[in-house]
């Protein structure tokens, strides 16, 4: 094998490794994520596996509830709002929220995507969930 052939193989291997690394980094940035900015004591709320109600409007004052904090979700890359709402629902369950009110969804721009889906709302704990009816408030369970 000539030295020119060896250099070509090393160069091809380096380029292949670089392409694999870039692909892995790009794909890892595509995932949806969510987090909560707490306005109270998250330890007082308990994690659950029940459906979370998403409401576009504020919850009526006649329904006793506690505000847990602002919840935000986004994709780093293009995708659907359903992916964002799924991670927001998981985050809401993690912090013990029964509902997310004042839900806003929009597309946003970042360094790698011109139109990535984002969402935000207020995570709340319903005082008496047995009397709460998400459907009557035009909400969506996730």
Protein backbone atom coordinates (compact mmCIF):
# COMPACT_ATOMS: atom_id res chain seq x y z
CA UNK A 1 0.00 0.00 0.00
CA UNK A 2 1.39 3.38 -0.96
CA UNK A 3 1.59 6.33 1.40
CA UNK A 4 -0.93 8.17 -0.80
CA UNK A 5 -3.45 5.33 -0.35
CA UNK A 6 -2.87 5.31 3.43
CA UNK A 7 -3.47 9.07 3.63
CA UNK A 8 -6.64 8.68 1.55
CA UNK A 9 -7.95 5.96 3.92
CA UNK A 10 -7.12 8.06 7.00
CA UNK A 11 -8.83 11.08 5.42
CA UNK A 12 -11.94 9.00 4.52
CA UNK A 13 -12.08 7.56 8.06
CA UNK A 14 -11.78 11.04 9.58
CA UNK A 15 -14.56 12.39 7.38
CA UNK A 16 -16.81 9.40 8.18
CA UNK A 17 -16.23 9.90 11.91
CA UNK A 18 -16.97 13.59 11.60
CA UNK A 19 -20.24 12.93 9.72
CA UNK A 20 -21.33 10.42 12.39
CA UNK A 21 -20.57 12.90 15.21
CA UNK A 22 -22.47 15.72 13.47
CA UNK A 23 -25.45 13.43 12.86
CA UNK A 24 -25.56 12.33 16.51
CA UNK A 25 -25.31 15.92 17.77
CA UNK A 26 -28.00 17.10 15.36
CA UNK A 27 -30.43 14.31 16.25
CA UNK A 28 -29.91 14.77 19.98
CA UNK A 29 -30.98 18.39 19.57
CA UNK A 30 -34.26 17.41 17.88
CA UNK A 31 -35.97 16.14 21.00
CA UNK A 32 -38.79 18.04 22.64
CA UNK A 33 -38.19 19.30 26.17
CA UNK A 34 -40.14 21.01 28.93
CA UNK A 35 -39.44 22.68 32.26
CA UNK A 36 -41.30 24.50 35.02
CA UNK A 37 -40.49 27.80 36.70
CA UNK A 38 -41.89 27.28 40.15
CA UNK A 39 -43.87 30.00 41.86
CA UNK A 40 -44.26 27.96 45.03
CA UNK A 41 -43.09 24.81 46.74
CA UNK A 42 -42.89 21.95 44.24
CA UNK A 43 -42.33 19.48 47.07
CA UNK A 44 -45.89 20.08 48.26
CA UNK A 45 -47.20 18.65 44.97
CA UNK A 46 -46.96 14.95 44.30
CA UNK A 47 -46.07 13.39 41.00
CA UNK A 48 -48.90 11.44 39.30
CA UNK A 49 -49.78 9.49 36.16
CA UNK A 50 -53.25 10.91 35.50
CA UNK A 51 -54.19 12.84 32.33
CA UNK A 52 -53.46 16.58 32.39
CA UNK A 53 -56.09 19.08 31.21
CA UNK A 54 -54.86 21.78 28.78
CA UNK A 55 -56.95 24.95 28.79
CA UNK A 56 -56.51 27.94 26.50
CA UNK A 57 -58.31 30.23 28.94
CA UNK A 58 -57.74 30.83 32.66
CA UNK A 59 -59.53 28.45 35.00
CA UNK A 60 -62.73 29.93 36.50
CA UNK A 61 -62.27 31.37 39.99
CA UNK A 62 -65.11 29.11 41.18
CA UNK A 63 -62.74 26.11 40.85
CA UNK A 64 -60.33 26.09 43.81
CA UNK A 65 -56.74 25.56 42.67
CA UNK A 66 -53.12 26.31 43.50
CA UNK A 67 -50.65 27.74 40.99
CA UNK A 68 -47.50 25.63 40.76
CA UNK A 69 -45.65 27.73 38.19
CA UNK A 70 -45.10 28.51 34.54
CA UNK A 71 -44.48 25.50 32.34
CA UNK A 72 -42.73 25.78 28.98
CA UNK A 73 -42.09 23.25 26.26
CA UNK A 74 -40.30 23.37 22.92
CA UNK A 75 -38.56 21.48 20.18
CA UNK A 76 -35.07 22.49 19.17
CA UNK A 77 -35.88 21.58 15.59
CA UNK A 78 -38.96 21.39 13.40
CA UNK A 79 -41.79 19.18 14.59
CA UNK A 80 -45.38 19.12 15.71
CA UNK A 81 -47.18 20.83 18.54
CA UNK A 82 -48.39 17.43 19.73
CA UNK A 83 -44.78 16.53 20.58
CA UNK A 84 -44.45 19.73 22.62
CA UNK A 85 -47.77 19.19 24.42
CA UNK A 86 -46.74 15.60 25.23
CA UNK A 87 -43.56 16.72 27.01
CA UNK A 88 -45.45 19.55 28.71
CA UNK A 89 -48.01 17.02 30.00
CA UNK A 90 -45.19 14.81 31.30
CA UNK A 91 -43.59 17.79 33.02
CA UNK A 92 -46.95 18.81 34.51
CA UNK A 93 -47.39 15.29 35.93
CA UNK A 94 -43.82 15.39 37.28
CA UNK A 95 -44.54 18.56 39.29
CA UNK A 96 -48.00 17.35 40.39
CA UNK A 97 -50.10 19.63 38.17
CA UNK A 98 -53.61 18.53 37.18
CA UNK A 99 -54.05 21.18 34.51
CA UNK A 100 -52.23 23.78 32.42
CA UNK A 101 -54.22 26.98 31.91
CA UNK A 102 -53.57 30.00 29.68
CA UNK A 103 -51.98 27.68 27.13
CA UNK A 104 -50.20 29.47 24.28
CA UNK A 105 -48.57 27.68 21.35
CA UNK A 106 -46.57 29.30 18.59
CA UNK A 107 -43.69 28.74 16.23
CA UNK A 108 -40.41 30.32 17.21
CA UNK A 109 -37.05 30.78 15.52
CA UNK A 110 -33.70 29.68 16.88
CA UNK A 111 -30.20 29.22 15.44
CA UNK A 112 -31.00 25.92 13.70
CA UNK A 113 -34.74 26.07 12.94
CA UNK A 114 -36.87 28.77 11.35
CA UNK A 115 -40.13 27.48 12.76
CA UNK A 116 -39.82 25.30 15.85
CA UNK A 117 -42.98 24.61 17.89
CA UNK A 118 -43.15 26.02 21.42
CA UNK A 119 -45.76 26.16 24.15
CA UNK A 120 -46.25 27.72 27.56
CA UNK A 121 -48.90 27.92 30.23
CA UNK A 122 -49.56 28.00 33.98
CA UNK A 123 -49.36 24.64 35.75
CA UNK A 124 -52.02 24.30 38.47
CA UNK A 125 -53.12 21.80 41.10
CA UNK A 126 -56.90 21.40 41.35
CA UNK A 127 -58.00 21.29 45.01
CA UNK A 128 -60.80 18.75 44.42
CA UNK A 129 -60.14 16.89 41.18
CA UNK A 130 -63.28 14.73 41.58
CA UNK A 131 -65.47 17.78 40.78
CA UNK A 132 -63.27 19.05 37.92
CA UNK A 133 -64.51 18.41 34.36
CA UNK A 134 -61.95 19.32 31.71
CA UNK A 135 -64.41 18.81 28.85
CA UNK A 136 -66.94 21.31 30.23
CA UNK A 137 -64.19 23.95 30.17
CA UNK A 138 -63.34 23.13 26.52
CA UNK A 139 -60.06 21.61 27.62
CA UNK A 140 -58.05 18.77 26.13
CA UNK A 141 -56.73 15.82 28.14
CA UNK A 142 -53.21 14.57 27.43
